[in-house]
C-alpha atoms as a PDB file:
ATOM      1  CA  UNK A   1      -6.677 -21.949 -34.293  1.00  0.00           C
ATOM      2  CA  UNK A   2      -8.243 -20.972 -30.747  1.00  0.00           C
ATOM      3  CA  UNK A   3     -10.839 -22.577 -29.063  1.00  0.00           C
ATOM      4  CA  UNK A   4     -13.517 -20.065 -29.895  1.00  0.00           C
ATOM      5  CA  UNK A   5     -12.763 -19.630 -33.618  1.00  0.00           C
ATOM      6  CA  UNK A   6     -13.423 -23.031 -34.000  1.00  0.00           C
ATOM      7  CA  UNK A   7     -16.779 -25.142 -34.832  1.00  0.00           C
ATOM      8  CA  UNK A   8     -17.334 -28.573 -34.801  1.00  0.00           C
ATOM      9  CA  UNK A   9     -20.222 -30.760 -36.017  1.00  0.00           C
ATOM     10  CA  UNK A  10     -22.157 -32.675 -33.586  1.00  0.00           C
ATOM     11  CA  UNK A  11     -25.776 -34.452 -33.174  1.00  0.00           C
ATOM     12  CA  UNK A  12     -28.496 -32.894 -32.102  1.00  0.00           C
ATOM     13  CA  UNK A  13     -30.111 -35.912 -30.923  1.00  0.00           C
ATOM     14  CA  UNK A  14     -33.337 -33.686 -29.738  1.00  0.00           C
ATOM     15  CA  UNK A  15     -33.987 -32.436 -33.376  1.00  0.00           C
ATOM     16  CA  UNK A  16     -32.565 -35.740 -34.988  1.00  0.00           C
ATOM     17  CA  UNK A  17     -29.837 -33.414 -37.220  1.00  0.00           C
ATOM     18  CA  UNK A  18     -26.509 -32.327 -37.351  1.00  0.00           C
ATOM     19  CA  UNK A  19     -25.477 -29.128 -35.788  1.00  0.00           C
ATOM     20  CA  UNK A  20     -22.476 -26.845 -35.410  1.00  0.00           C
ATOM     21  CA  UNK A  21     -20.843 -26.527 -31.417  1.00  0.00           C
ATOM     22  CA  UNK A  22     -18.343 -24.008 -30.497  1.00  0.00           C
ATOM     23  CA  UNK A  23     -15.848 -26.021 -28.246  1.00  0.00           C
ATOM     24  CA  UNK A  24     -15.364 -25.214 -24.169  1.00  0.00           C
ATOM     25  CA  UNK A  25     -12.117 -22.847 -24.154  1.00  0.00           C
ATOM     26  CA  UNK A  26     -12.241 -21.742 -20.377  1.00  0.00           C
ATOM     27  CA  UNK A  27     -14.633 -21.256 -17.357  1.00  0.00           C
ATOM     28  CA  UNK A  28     -17.326 -23.404 -15.448  1.00  0.00           C
ATOM     29  CA  UNK A  29     -18.687 -26.251 -17.045  1.00  0.00           C
ATOM     30  CA  UNK A  30     -21.739 -28.732 -16.105  1.00  0.00           C
ATOM     31  CA  UNK A  31     -23.188 -32.316 -16.543  1.00  0.00           C
ATOM     32  CA  UNK A  32     -24.989 -29.694 -19.325  1.00  0.00           C
ATOM     33  CA  UNK A  33     -21.577 -29.663 -21.089  1.00  0.00           C
ATOM     34  CA  UNK A  34     -21.185 -33.462 -21.523  1.00  0.00           C
ATOM     35  CA  UNK A  35     -20.168 -34.201 -25.377  1.00  0.00           C
ATOM     36  CA  UNK A  36     -18.822 -31.263 -26.108  1.00  0.00           C
ATOM     37  CA  UNK A  37     -15.351 -31.058 -27.331  1.00  0.00           C
ATOM     38  CA  UNK A  38     -12.586 -29.184 -25.459  1.00  0.00           C
ATOM     39  CA  UNK A  39     -10.857 -26.040 -27.162  1.00  0.00           C
ATOM     40  CA  UNK A  40      -7.365 -25.262 -26.655  1.00  0.00           C
ATOM     41  CA  UNK A  41      -6.802 -21.347 -25.151  1.00  0.00           C
ATOM     42  CA  UNK A  42      -4.709 -18.790 -27.181  1.00  0.00           C
ATOM     43  CA  UNK A  43      -1.651 -20.059 -25.543  1.00  0.00           C
ATOM     44  CA  UNK A  44      -2.413 -23.127 -27.375  1.00  0.00           C
ATOM     45  CA  UNK A  45      -2.862 -24.786 -23.822  1.00  0.00           C
ATOM     46  CA  UNK A  46      -6.080 -26.738 -22.418  1.00  0.00           C
ATOM     47  CA  UNK A  47      -7.149 -24.250 -19.820  1.00  0.00           C
ATOM     48  CA  UNK A  48      -6.543 -25.825 -15.921  1.00  0.00           C
ATOM     49  CA  UNK A  49     -10.151 -24.518 -14.902  1.00  0.00           C
ATOM     50  CA  UNK A  50     -11.525 -27.162 -17.375  1.00  0.00           C
ATOM     51  CA  UNK A  51      -9.360 -30.105 -15.844  1.00  0.00           C
ATOM     52  CA  UNK A  52     -10.956 -32.357 -13.305  1.00  0.00           C
ATOM     53  CA  UNK A  53      -9.940 -32.521  -9.820  1.00  0.00           C
ATOM     54  CA  UNK A  54      -6.564 -33.638  -9.108  1.00  0.00           C
ATOM     55  CA  UNK A  55      -5.565 -32.994 -12.720  1.00  0.00           C
ATOM     56  CA  UNK A  56      -3.361 -30.246 -13.230  1.00  0.00           C
ATOM     57  CA  UNK A  57      -2.357 -27.491 -10.601  1.00  0.00           C
ATOM     58  CA  UNK A  58      -5.079 -26.474  -7.938  1.00  0.00           C
ATOM     59  CA  UNK A  59      -6.263 -22.937  -9.260  1.00  0.00           C
ATOM     60  CA  UNK A  60      -9.104 -20.384  -7.225  1.00  0.00           C
ATOM     61  CA  UNK A  61     -10.398 -17.176  -8.146  1.00  0.00           C
ATOM     62  CA  UNK A  62      -9.386 -14.063  -6.410  1.00  0.00           C
ATOM     63  CA  UNK A  63     -10.668 -10.767  -6.157  1.00  0.00           C
ATOM     64  CA  UNK A  64      -7.482  -7.924  -6.088  1.00  0.00           C
ATOM     65  CA  UNK A  65      -8.879  -5.210  -3.116  1.00  0.00           C
ATOM     66  CA  UNK A  66      -5.381  -3.563  -3.270  1.00  0.00           C
ATOM     67  CA  UNK A  67      -4.663  -0.279  -4.556  1.00  0.00           C
ATOM     68  CA  UNK A  68      -2.291  -1.669  -7.098  1.00  0.00           C
ATOM     69  CA  UNK A  69      -1.773  -4.017 -10.152  1.00  0.00           C
ATOM     70  CA  UNK A  70      -0.725  -7.342  -8.932  1.00  0.00           C
ATOM     71  CA  UNK A  71       1.540  -8.203 -11.989  1.00  0.00           C
ATOM     72  CA  UNK A  72       2.148 -11.928 -13.854  1.00  0.00           C
ATOM     73  CA  UNK A  73       5.089 -14.097 -11.766  1.00  0.00           C
ATOM     74  CA  UNK A  74       3.923 -12.502  -8.546  1.00  0.00           C
ATOM     75  CA  UNK A  75       3.028 -14.562  -5.385  1.00  0.00           C
ATOM     76  CA  UNK A  76       0.165 -13.623  -3.312  1.00  0.00           C
ATOM     77  CA  UNK A  77      -1.322 -14.213   0.200  1.00  0.00           C
ATOM     78  CA  UNK A  78      -5.260 -15.005  -0.259  1.00  0.00           C
ATOM     79  CA  UNK A  79      -7.510 -14.214   2.508  1.00  0.00           C
ATOM     80  CA  UNK A  80     -11.064 -14.731   3.004  1.00  0.00           C
ATOM     81  CA  UNK A  81     -13.500 -11.550   3.578  1.00  0.00           C
ATOM     82  CA  UNK A  82     -17.039 -11.551   4.764  1.00  0.00           C
ATOM     83  CA  UNK A  83     -19.500 -14.274   5.816  1.00  0.00           C
ATOM     84  CA  UNK A  84     -19.483 -16.428   2.708  1.00  0.00           C
ATOM     85  CA  UNK A  85     -17.238 -19.644   2.243  1.00  0.00           C
ATOM     86  CA  UNK A  86     -14.900 -19.127  -1.060  1.00  0.00           C
ATOM     87  CA  UNK A  87     -15.111 -14.932  -0.822  1.00  0.00           C
ATOM     88  CA  UNK A  88     -11.258 -14.442  -1.416  1.00  0.00           C
ATOM     89  CA  UNK A  89      -9.285 -11.764  -2.218  1.00  0.00           C
ATOM     90  CA  UNK A  90      -5.588 -11.878  -3.162  1.00  0.00           C
ATOM     91  CA  UNK A  91      -2.881  -9.343  -1.896  1.00  0.00           C
ATOM     92  CA  UNK A  92       1.261  -9.431  -2.690  1.00  0.00           C
ATOM     93  CA  UNK A  93       2.722 -11.849  -0.410  1.00  0.00           C
ATOM     94  CA  UNK A  94       5.464  -9.965   1.460  1.00  0.00           C
ATOM     95  CA  UNK A  95       7.854 -11.505   4.179  1.00  0.00           C
ATOM     96  CA  UNK A  96       8.603  -7.770   6.128  1.00  0.00           C
ATOM     97  CA  UNK A  97       6.667  -9.801   8.671  1.00  0.00           C
ATOM     98  CA  UNK A  98       4.553 -13.009   9.230  1.00  0.00           C
ATOM     99  CA  UNK A  99       1.171 -11.891   8.076  1.00  0.00           C
ATOM    100  CA  UNK A 100       1.153 -12.373   4.304  1.00  0.00           C
ATOM    101  CA  UNK A 101       2.943 -15.261   3.493  1.00  0.00           C
ATOM    102  CA  UNK A 102       2.816 -17.002  -0.044  1.00  0.00           C
ATOM    103  CA  UNK A 103      -0.277 -19.170  -0.615  1.00  0.00           C
ATOM    104  CA  UNK A 104      -0.212 -19.145  -4.974  1.00  0.00           C
ATOM    105  CA  UNK A 105       0.917 -16.926  -7.814  1.00  0.00           C
ATOM    106  CA  UNK A 106      -0.450 -15.523 -10.825  1.00  0.00           C
ATOM    107  CA  UNK A 107       0.294 -16.141 -14.461  1.00  0.00           C
ATOM    108  CA  UNK A 108      -1.448 -12.666 -15.388  1.00  0.00           C
ATOM    109  CA  UNK A 109      -1.732  -9.127 -14.657  1.00  0.00           C
ATOM    110  CA  UNK A 110      -4.677  -9.019 -12.247  1.00  0.00           C
ATOM    111  CA  UNK A 111      -5.520  -5.155 -12.313  1.00  0.00           C
ATOM    112  CA  UNK A 112      -7.115  -3.456  -9.238  1.00  0.00           C
ATOM    113  CA  UNK A 113     -10.300  -4.571  -8.436  1.00  0.00           C
ATOM    114  CA  UNK A 114     -10.550  -7.417 -10.695  1.00  0.00           C
ATOM    115  CA  UNK A 115     -10.790 -11.160 -10.344  1.00  0.00           C
ATOM    116  CA  UNK A 116      -7.819 -13.305 -11.562  1.00  0.00           C
ATOM    117  CA  UNK A 117      -6.994 -17.133 -11.191  1.00  0.00           C
ATOM    118  CA  UNK A 118      -4.258 -18.071  -8.359  1.00  0.00           C
ATOM    119  CA  UNK A 119      -2.346 -21.000  -8.942  1.00  0.00           C
ATOM    120  CA  UNK A 120      -1.625 -22.794  -5.271  1.00  0.00           C
ATOM    121  CA  UNK A 121       0.960 -25.559  -6.696  1.00  0.00           C
ATOM    122  CA  UNK A 122       2.767 -25.743  -9.990  1.00  0.00           C
ATOM    123  CA  UNK A 123       4.942 -23.913 -12.114  1.00  0.00           C
ATOM    124  CA  UNK A 124       5.154 -20.238 -12.278  1.00  0.00           C
ATOM    125  CA  UNK A 125       7.019 -19.735 -15.236  1.00  0.00           C
ATOM    126  CA  UNK A 126       5.939 -15.821 -15.536  1.00  0.00           C
ATOM    127  CA  UNK A 127       8.647 -14.427 -13.332  1.00  0.00           C
ATOM    128  CA  UNK A 128      10.452 -11.533 -14.761  1.00  0.00           C
ATOM    129  CA  UNK A 129      14.153 -11.513 -14.400  1.00  0.00           C
ATOM    130  CA  UNK A 130      13.636  -7.801 -13.314  1.00  0.00           C
ATOM    131  CA  UNK A 131      11.642  -9.232 -10.096  1.00  0.00           C
ATOM    132  CA  UNK A 132      14.545 -11.270  -9.137  1.00  0.00           C
ATOM    133  CA  UNK A 133      18.109  -9.674  -7.890  1.00  0.00           C
ATOM    134  CA  UNK A 134      18.126  -9.771 -10.885  1.00  0.00           C
ATOM    135  CA  UNK A 135      17.858 -12.952 -12.203  1.00  0.00           C
ATOM    136  CA  UNK A 136      20.239 -14.969 -14.487  1.00  0.00           C
ATOM    137  CA  UNK A 137      20.331 -18.209 -16.658  1.00  0.00           C
ATOM    138  CA  UNK A 138      23.144 -19.653 -14.633  1.00  0.00           C
ATOM    139  CA  UNK A 139      20.460 -19.351 -11.549  1.00  0.00           C
ATOM    140  CA  UNK A 140      19.040 -23.221 -12.633  1.00  0.00           C
ATOM    141  CA  UNK A 141      18.468 -24.798  -9.143  1.00  0.00           C
ATOM    142  CA  UNK A 142      18.936 -21.742  -7.193  1.00  0.00           C
ATOM    143  CA  UNK A 143      16.800 -21.816  -3.918  1.00  0.00           C
ATOM    144  CA  UNK A 144      13.626 -18.885  -3.799  1.00  0.00           C
ATOM    145  CA  UNK A 145      12.908 -16.733  -0.774  1.00  0.00           C
ATOM    146  CA  UNK A 146       9.355 -14.288  -0.592  1.00  0.00           C
ATOM    147  CA  UNK A 147      11.506 -11.410  -0.665  1.00  0.00           C
ATOM    148  CA  UNK A 148      10.294  -8.519   2.195  1.00  0.00           C
ATOM    149  CA  UNK A 149      10.015  -4.700   1.448  1.00  0.00           C
ATOM    150  CA  UNK A 150       7.739  -2.569   2.593  1.00  0.00           C
ATOM    151  CA  UNK A 151       6.599  -1.467  -0.744  1.00  0.00           C
ATOM    152  CA  UNK A 152       3.762  -2.609  -2.432  1.00  0.00           C
ATOM    153  CA  UNK A 153       4.139  -2.285  -5.960  1.00  0.00           C
ATOM    154  CA  UNK A 154       7.578  -4.699  -5.210  1.00  0.00           C
ATOM    155  CA  UNK A 155       6.129  -7.278  -3.326  1.00  0.00           C
ATOM    156  CA  UNK A 156       5.196 -10.800  -4.356  1.00  0.00           C
ATOM    157  CA  UNK A 157       8.973 -11.210  -5.623  1.00  0.00           C
ATOM    158  CA  UNK A 158      11.130 -14.070  -5.029  1.00  0.00           C
ATOM    159  CA  UNK A 159      14.840 -13.598  -4.281  1.00  0.00           C
ATOM    160  CA  UNK A 160      17.719 -15.796  -4.064  1.00  0.00           C
ATOM    161  CA  UNK A 161      19.100 -14.212  -0.428  1.00  0.00           C
ATOM    162  CA  UNK A 162      16.666 -15.226   2.444  1.00  0.00           C
ATOM    163  CA  UNK A 163      15.448 -11.867   4.529  1.00  0.00           C
ATOM    164  CA  UNK A 164      17.241 -11.878   8.013  1.00  0.00           C
ATOM    165  CA  UNK A 165      15.908  -8.431   9.613  1.00  0.00           C
ATOM    166  CA  UNK A 166      14.049  -8.947  13.131  1.00  0.00           C
ATOM    167  CA  UNK A 167      10.495 -10.013  12.289  1.00  0.00           C
ATOM    168  CA  UNK A 168      10.732 -10.824   8.824  1.00  0.00           C
ATOM    169  CA  UNK A 169       9.635 -14.512   6.970  1.00  0.00           C
ATOM    170  CA  UNK A 170      11.536 -17.114   5.883  1.00  0.00           C
ATOM    171  CA  UNK A 171       9.450 -18.679   3.375  1.00  0.00           C
ATOM    172  CA  UNK A 172      11.272 -21.015   1.144  1.00  0.00           C
ATOM    173  CA  UNK A 173       9.538 -21.070  -2.100  1.00  0.00           C
ATOM    174  CA  UNK A 174      11.043 -23.534  -3.981  1.00  0.00           C
ATOM    175  CA  UNK A 175      13.817 -24.133  -6.945  1.00  0.00           C
ATOM    176  CA  UNK A 176      14.472 -22.039 -10.290  1.00  0.00           C
ATOM    177  CA  UNK A 177      13.674 -25.022 -13.032  1.00  0.00           C
ATOM    178  CA  UNK A 178      14.824 -22.964 -15.544  1.00  0.00           C
ATOM    179  CA  UNK A 179      16.021 -19.047 -16.406  1.00  0.00           C
ATOM    180  CA  UNK A 180      15.343 -18.112 -20.280  1.00  0.00           C
ATOM    181  CA  UNK A 181      17.951 -15.404 -21.677  1.00  0.00           C
ATOM    182  CA  UNK A 182      15.651 -15.258 -24.540  1.00  0.00           C
ATOM    183  CA  UNK A 183      12.243 -14.560 -23.126  1.00  0.00           C
ATOM    184  CA  UNK A 184      13.786 -12.791 -19.725  1.00  0.00           C
ATOM    185  CA  UNK A 185      11.804 -14.756 -17.533  1.00  0.00           C
ATOM    186  CA  UNK A 186      12.020 -16.919 -15.022  1.00  0.00           C
ATOM    187  CA  UNK A 187      10.117 -20.742 -14.148  1.00  0.00           C
ATOM    188  CA  UNK A 188       9.824 -21.811  -9.974  1.00  0.00           C
ATOM    189  CA  UNK A 189       8.457 -25.248  -9.171  1.00  0.00           C
ATOM    190  CA  UNK A 190       6.566 -23.773  -6.425  1.00  0.00           C
ATOM    191  CA  UNK A 191       6.832 -25.931  -3.164  1.00  0.00           C
ATOM    192  CA  UNK A 192       6.172 -23.321  -0.191  1.00  0.00           C
ATOM    193  CA  UNK A 193       8.477 -24.343   3.047  1.00  0.00           C
ATOM    194  CA  UNK A 194       8.049 -24.473   6.516  1.00  0.00           C
ATOM    195  CA  UNK A 195       7.115 -20.820   7.630  1.00  0.00           C
ATOM    196  CA  UNK A 196       9.507 -19.220  10.025  1.00  0.00           C
ATOM    197  CA  UNK A 197       9.576 -15.571  11.768  1.00  0.00           C
ATOM    198  CA  UNK A 198      12.902 -14.044  12.719  1.00  0.00           C
ATOM    199  CA  UNK A 199      13.285 -13.422  16.572  1.00  0.00           C
END
């Protein structure tokens, strides 16, 4: 049962009685949440925002201020905006030149003007087969690179062939660790490599 639908009995010391408590399933938490039960999300996993630093993937929140939706599985470039530190925007990563290397990826669609979670390490397991060359089951173990394209809606995709045009960026994204023919999704262990811009 999803964490937001489950109730647990806890002890309310202030009123010296039992009380119903809703588990924390996602979001910001603080010392005031001490003693609360962690609830699994709709996907059956513990949301990474509830994990302490150094445990699980590194996740940052950023806003999509581009003119296109960023689809699940796409690789993104993060940029700081404004004066306030930590004010992040995301855009599709692109290897057309060296200005938008991949800093992370998204596991859920991020609509225009919406905020979403960007994973800066870990497993990107939401890459649609069609977003590759396309990918097939036999691609397990293949290295992938950030693709170069001028079409905004097609940016942020991985490719098995490194870009080769003048001015293009060569950035290894990691290796395909799974390619599932049932879900038509590929998984890449995100381990960004050295950035090389072709002369």
